[in-house]
Amino acid sequence: MRIVFGADHAGFELKQNLLAYVRELGHEVSDAGTHSTAAVDYPDYAEAVGMAVRNHKEDRGILICGSGVGASVAANKMRGIRAGLCHDTYSARQGVEHDDMNVLVLGSRVMAAELARELVRSFLSVTFSGESRHVRRLEKIRTLEEKFCQEPPSADGGNTPSGDVIVTGDAAGFAQEIRAGSHLLHSDEPLAAGGTDTGPTPYGLLLAALGACTSMTVGMYARRKAWPLASVTVSLRHSRIYASDCADCETKEGMLDRIERDIHFSGSLTAEQRDRLLEIANKCPVHRTLTSEIDIQSRVV
């Protein structure tokens, strides 16, 4: 793995010790500073480590200050950073397996170098389990970030325009950061495909867009008609099929993309109302885009 280190003046000596140790373990290391025992401010190095991990330039970070408390507080102010201050190997290991901890924080004044090495070894020896209960909890953490962490304005003084979507990712991996207006999303590939499973796959996002549009469109129609529609649940699946297996398709050679969409309407609706809502579902803007001719214009900027 690629590991970035950062420390203030109090953590400098321990950082130097651990840099050599992590190299011995076979990992690539980078040093974000500080480079002496001259007094500095720990938030600066928390930011340097956090940005390297957040932008996928490094896989994980190790951050050190005197007690570890200040550096931990600072690092956790950054979106996507899950920094844990650890004093025992169980926490250093479980923090990764259960909480997808990506920055280990240590206090140089409260532990010996040998214990710090044990914590680092535990931190680097495991990966996130990907179990559904832990994924669910991480999604709730991301929801808290969306709710309370305000991103700085863009270079022109405002937020990303509401109609623009900006996707940023490091070429060394699959994980992508997506900014849509004031919203921050993530996309990735699953662990089995070589990704880190930090978000839905691109096709998952595509299906989500169609499902959300479907639910919004039929809900709006039902409200206008004052129909007793209580809720809408849309289940979607994407697959590749032989064109010859599609009776209604004009193309009869090669492969086609198929999206199966199951829509459940909850409420005291008549059969006629349900049939009409199914027709309306096919009129959602995303459905129309996917089933129409699309002109995608790309350029290097």
Protein backbone atom coordinates (compact mmCIF):
# COMPACT_ATOMS: atom_id res chain seq x y z
CA MET A 1 0.00 0.00 0.00
CA ARG A 2 0.92 3.66 -0.32
CA ILE A 3 1.17 5.22 3.14
CA VAL A 4 1.54 8.93 3.86
CA PHE A 5 2.97 10.13 7.18
CA GLY A 6 2.45 13.47 8.84
CA ALA A 7 3.45 14.82 12.24
CA ASP A 8 3.97 18.03 14.14
CA HIS A 9 7.17 18.78 16.07
CA ALA A 10 6.11 16.56 18.97
CA GLY A 11 5.61 13.60 16.66
CA PHE A 12 8.66 14.13 14.47
CA GLU A 13 10.97 11.55 16.09
CA LEU A 14 8.32 8.84 16.25
CA LYS A 15 7.42 9.56 12.63
CA GLN A 16 11.03 9.00 11.57
CA ASN A 17 11.09 5.71 13.44
CA LEU A 18 7.83 4.51 11.86
CA LEU A 19 8.78 5.62 8.35
CA ALA A 20 11.66 3.16 8.35
CA TYR A 21 9.52 0.44 9.93
CA VAL A 22 6.72 0.72 7.35
CA ARG A 23 9.27 0.55 4.55
CA GLU A 24 10.56 -2.67 6.10
CA LEU A 25 7.00 -4.03 5.98
CA GLY A 26 7.09 -3.59 2.21
CA HIS A 27 4.87 -0.52 1.79
CA GLU A 28 5.53 2.62 -0.22
CA VAL A 29 5.81 5.64 2.07
CA SER A 30 5.73 9.40 1.63
CA ASP A 31 6.48 12.08 4.21
CA ALA A 32 4.25 15.15 4.42
CA GLY A 33 6.36 16.64 7.24
CA THR A 34 7.26 18.15 9.53
CA HIS A 35 10.98 17.66 8.96
CA SER A 36 12.41 18.87 12.27
CA THR A 37 11.55 19.43 15.92
CA ALA A 38 10.92 23.15 15.35
CA ALA A 39 7.47 24.12 16.61
CA VAL A 40 4.67 23.87 14.01
CA ASP A 41 0.88 23.55 14.02
CA TYR A 42 -0.63 20.05 13.80
CA PRO A 43 -3.70 21.07 11.71
CA ASP A 44 -1.40 21.80 8.77
CA TYR A 45 -0.10 18.22 8.73
CA ALA A 46 -3.53 16.75 9.38
CA GLU A 47 -4.68 18.56 6.25
CA ALA A 48 -1.69 17.35 4.21
CA VAL A 49 -2.27 13.72 5.18
CA GLY A 50 -6.04 13.98 4.80
CA MET A 51 -5.88 15.51 1.33
CA ALA A 52 -3.44 12.86 0.12
CA VAL A 53 -5.78 10.08 1.28
CA ARG A 54 -8.96 11.83 0.19
CA ASN A 55 -7.63 12.45 -3.32
CA HIS A 56 -6.46 8.82 -3.55
CA LYS A 57 -2.81 9.77 -3.96
CA GLU A 58 -2.17 7.56 -0.93
CA ASP A 59 -4.10 4.55 0.34
CA ARG A 60 -3.88 5.31 4.07
CA GLY A 61 -2.36 7.86 6.40
CA ILE A 62 -0.54 7.83 9.73
CA LEU A 63 -0.70 11.06 11.71
CA ILE A 64 1.22 11.86 14.90
CA CYS A 65 1.16 14.67 17.44
CA GLY A 66 1.89 14.82 21.16
CA SER A 67 -1.29 13.21 22.48
CA GLY A 68 -2.91 12.40 19.14
CA VAL A 69 -6.08 14.22 20.16
CA GLY A 70 -5.57 17.46 18.27
CA ALA A 71 -4.45 15.74 15.07
CA SER A 72 -7.46 13.40 15.24
CA VAL A 73 -9.88 16.29 15.69
CA ALA A 74 -8.35 18.18 12.78
CA ALA A 75 -8.26 15.23 10.39
CA ASN A 76 -11.89 14.34 11.02
CA LYS A 77 -13.00 17.79 9.88
CA MET A 78 -12.30 16.67 6.31
CA ARG A 79 -14.89 14.89 4.16
CA GLY A 80 -14.03 11.27 3.51
CA ILE A 81 -11.44 11.05 6.27
CA ARG A 82 -12.07 8.52 9.01
CA ALA A 83 -9.25 9.06 11.48
CA GLY A 84 -8.96 6.99 14.64
CA LEU A 85 -6.78 7.70 17.67
CA CYS A 86 -5.64 4.28 18.87
CA HIS A 87 -3.74 3.03 21.92
CA ASP A 88 -4.28 -0.73 21.45
CA THR A 89 -3.98 -3.22 18.60
CA TYR A 90 -7.63 -4.26 18.77
CA SER A 91 -8.82 -0.74 17.97
CA ALA A 92 -6.21 -0.28 15.25
CA ARG A 93 -7.38 -3.49 13.56
CA GLN A 94 -11.13 -3.24 14.13
CA GLY A 95 -11.15 0.43 13.12
CA VAL A 96 -10.25 -0.70 9.61
CA GLU A 97 -12.32 -3.90 9.46
CA HIS A 98 -15.54 -2.34 10.80
CA ASP A 99 -15.22 1.41 10.30
CA ASP A 100 -13.03 1.63 7.18
CA MET A 101 -10.59 3.82 9.11
CA ASN A 102 -8.16 5.35 6.64
CA VAL A 103 -5.97 7.42 8.96
CA LEU A 104 -4.30 6.06 12.12
CA VAL A 105 -3.54 8.74 14.71
CA LEU A 106 -0.88 8.22 17.39
CA GLY A 107 0.28 10.20 20.41
CA SER A 108 4.06 10.28 20.66
CA ARG A 109 4.05 11.44 24.29
CA VAL A 110 1.74 8.70 25.56
CA MET A 111 3.25 5.55 24.01
CA ALA A 112 6.60 3.92 23.40
CA ALA A 113 7.92 3.39 19.90
CA GLU A 114 7.50 -0.39 20.14
CA LEU A 115 3.78 -0.08 20.91
CA ALA A 116 3.42 2.41 18.06
CA ARG A 117 4.97 -0.16 15.71
CA GLU A 118 2.50 -2.81 16.86
CA LEU A 119 -0.41 -0.45 16.24
CA VAL A 120 0.89 0.42 12.78
CA ARG A 121 1.32 -3.25 11.91
CA SER A 122 -2.23 -4.02 13.01
CA PHE A 123 -3.58 -1.03 11.07
CA LEU A 124 -1.86 -2.05 7.86
CA SER A 125 -2.51 -5.79 8.05
CA VAL A 126 -6.28 -5.72 7.54
CA THR A 127 -8.89 -4.36 5.12
CA PHE A 128 -12.48 -3.24 5.42
CA SER A 129 -14.78 -6.26 5.78
CA GLY A 130 -17.52 -4.89 3.51
CA GLU A 131 -20.23 -6.50 5.68
CA SER A 132 -23.65 -4.99 5.11
CA ARG A 133 -24.06 -3.69 8.68
CA HIS A 134 -20.77 -1.79 8.45
CA VAL A 135 -21.56 -0.46 4.98
CA ARG A 136 -24.90 0.79 6.29
CA ARG A 137 -23.22 2.63 9.16
CA LEU A 138 -20.64 4.19 6.87
CA GLU A 139 -23.43 5.50 4.67
CA LYS A 140 -24.91 7.18 7.75
CA ILE A 141 -21.53 8.80 8.43
CA ARG A 142 -21.50 10.11 4.86
CA THR A 143 -25.01 11.47 5.44
CA LEU A 144 -23.71 13.36 8.48
CA GLU A 145 -20.91 14.79 6.35
CA GLU A 146 -23.42 15.94 3.76
CA LYS A 147 -25.56 17.53 6.46
CA PHE A 148 -22.95 19.33 8.52
CA CYS A 149 -19.70 19.66 6.53
CA GLN A 150 -19.80 22.66 4.22
CA GLU A 151 -17.40 22.52 1.29
CA PRO A 152 -15.50 25.72 0.38
CA PRO A 153 -16.82 27.68 -2.60
CA SER A 154 -15.43 27.07 -6.06
CA ALA A 155 -12.79 29.30 -7.62
CA ASP A 156 -15.38 31.67 -9.09
CA GLY A 157 -16.82 32.29 -5.62
CA GLY A 158 -19.82 29.99 -5.85
CA ASN A 159 -20.73 26.32 -5.62
CA THR A 160 -20.69 23.95 -8.55
CA PRO A 161 -23.54 25.05 -10.88
CA SER A 162 -26.64 22.95 -10.23
CA GLY A 163 -26.63 21.60 -13.78
CA ASP A 164 -22.97 20.55 -13.73
CA VAL A 165 -21.56 17.28 -12.46
CA ILE A 166 -17.82 17.17 -11.75
CA VAL A 167 -16.11 13.80 -11.27
CA THR A 168 -12.58 13.54 -9.93
CA GLY A 169 -10.52 10.40 -9.39
CA ASP A 170 -6.94 9.22 -9.15
CA ALA A 171 -5.82 7.17 -12.15
CA ALA A 172 -4.26 4.59 -9.82
CA GLY A 173 -7.64 3.29 -8.62
CA PHE A 174 -11.37 3.16 -9.31
CA ALA A 175 -12.72 5.42 -6.54
CA GLN A 176 -14.31 8.64 -7.78
CA GLU A 177 -15.56 11.77 -6.03
CA ILE A 178 -18.66 13.23 -7.64
CA ARG A 179 -19.86 16.78 -7.05
CA ALA A 180 -23.36 17.52 -8.29
CA GLY A 181 -24.27 21.06 -7.33
CA SER A 182 -23.81 21.23 -3.54
CA HIS A 183 -23.94 17.43 -3.16
CA LEU A 184 -20.95 15.12 -2.76
CA LEU A 185 -21.26 11.51 -3.94
CA HIS A 186 -18.87 8.61 -4.48
CA SER A 187 -18.53 5.88 -7.07
CA ASP A 188 -16.25 2.86 -7.05
CA GLU A 189 -15.97 -0.79 -8.01
CA PRO A 190 -16.52 -3.63 -5.50
CA LEU A 191 -13.61 -5.29 -3.75
CA ALA A 192 -13.94 -8.36 -5.97
CA ALA A 193 -13.35 -6.19 -9.04
CA GLY A 194 -10.25 -4.52 -7.61
CA GLY A 195 -12.00 -1.46 -6.18
CA THR A 196 -12.38 -0.25 -2.60
CA ASP A 197 -16.21 -0.23 -2.54
CA THR A 198 -16.51 3.39 -1.36
CA GLY A 199 -19.69 3.91 -3.38
CA PRO A 200 -22.01 2.44 -6.01
CA THR A 201 -20.63 1.39 -9.38
CA PRO A 202 -21.25 3.69 -12.36
CA TYR A 203 -24.04 1.38 -13.53
CA GLY A 204 -25.46 1.44 -10.02
CA LEU A 205 -25.65 5.22 -10.20
CA LEU A 206 -27.26 4.99 -13.63
CA LEU A 207 -29.95 2.65 -12.30
CA ALA A 208 -30.41 4.89 -9.27
CA ALA A 209 -31.00 7.87 -11.55
CA LEU A 210 -33.66 5.98 -13.49
CA GLY A 211 -35.29 4.68 -10.32
CA ALA A 212 -35.36 8.07 -8.64
CA CYS A 213 -36.75 9.74 -11.76
CA THR A 214 -39.41 7.04 -12.07
CA SER A 215 -40.57 7.49 -8.49
CA MET A 216 -40.56 11.28 -8.72
CA THR A 217 -42.52 11.32 -11.97
CA VAL A 218 -45.30 8.94 -10.94
CA GLY A 219 -45.51 10.58 -7.52
CA MET A 220 -45.97 14.02 -9.05
CA TYR A 221 -48.65 12.69 -11.42
CA ALA A 222 -50.54 10.98 -8.59
CA ARG A 223 -50.48 14.16 -6.50
CA ARG A 224 -51.90 16.18 -9.37
CA LYS A 225 -54.67 13.62 -9.79
CA ALA A 226 -55.23 13.39 -6.02
CA TRP A 227 -54.83 9.61 -6.23
CA PRO A 228 -54.15 7.65 -3.01
CA LEU A 229 -50.55 6.71 -3.85
CA ALA A 230 -48.66 6.28 -0.57
CA SER A 231 -45.17 5.33 -1.78
CA VAL A 232 -43.23 4.00 -4.75
CA THR A 233 -40.51 1.34 -4.70
CA VAL A 234 -38.46 0.76 -7.84
CA SER A 235 -36.13 -2.25 -8.20
CA LEU A 236 -33.75 -2.23 -11.16
CA ARG A 237 -31.29 -4.68 -12.71
CA HIS A 238 -28.85 -4.24 -15.59
CA SER A 239 -27.63 -7.03 -17.84
CA ARG A 240 -26.26 -7.71 -21.32
CA ILE A 241 -28.32 -9.85 -23.69
CA TYR A 242 -28.13 -11.11 -27.24
CA ALA A 243 -30.01 -8.76 -29.56
CA SER A 244 -31.76 -11.76 -31.11
CA ASP A 245 -33.41 -12.43 -27.73
CA CYS A 246 -35.19 -9.06 -27.78
CA ALA A 247 -38.41 -9.43 -29.73
CA ASP A 248 -39.20 -5.70 -29.71
CA CYS A 249 -35.72 -4.43 -30.62
CA GLU A 250 -34.82 -3.25 -34.12
CA THR A 251 -31.23 -4.45 -33.71
CA LYS A 252 -30.95 -8.20 -34.19
CA GLU A 253 -27.18 -8.71 -34.14
CA GLY A 254 -24.61 -8.45 -31.36
CA MET A 255 -25.31 -7.58 -27.72
CA LEU A 256 -27.72 -5.12 -26.12
CA ASP A 257 -28.06 -3.58 -22.68
CA ARG A 258 -31.22 -4.57 -20.81
CA ILE A 259 -32.62 -2.77 -17.77
CA GLU A 260 -35.39 -4.54 -15.88
CA ARG A 261 -37.51 -2.22 -13.77
CA ASP A 262 -40.03 -3.53 -11.22
CA ILE A 263 -42.30 -0.84 -9.78
CA HIS A 264 -44.37 -1.32 -6.64
CA PHE A 265 -47.16 1.18 -5.92
CA SER A 266 -48.32 1.30 -2.31
CA GLY A 267 -51.80 2.69 -1.71
CA SER A 268 -55.48 2.02 -2.35
CA LEU A 269 -55.25 2.38 -6.12
CA THR A 270 -57.58 0.89 -8.69
CA ALA A 271 -56.26 -1.39 -11.43
CA GLU A 272 -56.83 1.40 -13.95
CA GLN A 273 -54.83 3.86 -11.85
CA ARG A 274 -51.92 1.40 -11.52
CA ASP A 275 -51.89 0.83 -15.29
CA ARG A 276 -51.86 4.57 -15.90
CA LEU A 277 -48.99 5.10 -13.46
CA LEU A 278 -47.00 2.44 -15.29
CA GLU A 279 -47.50 4.42 -18.51
CA ILE A 280 -46.39 7.59 -16.73
CA ALA A 281 -43.25 5.83 -15.48
CA ASN A 282 -42.09 5.50 -19.08
CA LYS A 283 -42.37 9.28 -19.47
CA CYS A 284 -39.83 10.16 -16.79
CA PRO A 285 -37.05 12.34 -18.28
CA VAL A 286 -34.25 9.88 -17.53
CA HIS A 287 -36.22 7.05 -19.18
CA ARG A 288 -36.70 9.20 -22.26
CA THR A 289 -33.01 10.08 -22.35
CA LEU A 290 -31.93 6.46 -22.12
CA THR A 291 -34.32 5.39 -24.87
CA SER A 292 -33.54 8.27 -27.25
CA GLU A 293 -30.59 9.08 -29.48
CA ILE A 294 -27.91 10.77 -27.37
CA ASP A 295 -25.21 13.15 -28.57
CA ILE A 296 -22.26 13.12 -26.15
CA GLN A 297 -19.62 15.73 -26.99
CA SER A 298 -16.20 15.29 -25.36
CA ARG A 299 -13.17 17.56 -25.42
CA VAL A 300 -9.88 17.95 -23.59
CA VAL A 301 -9.79 21.07 -21.41
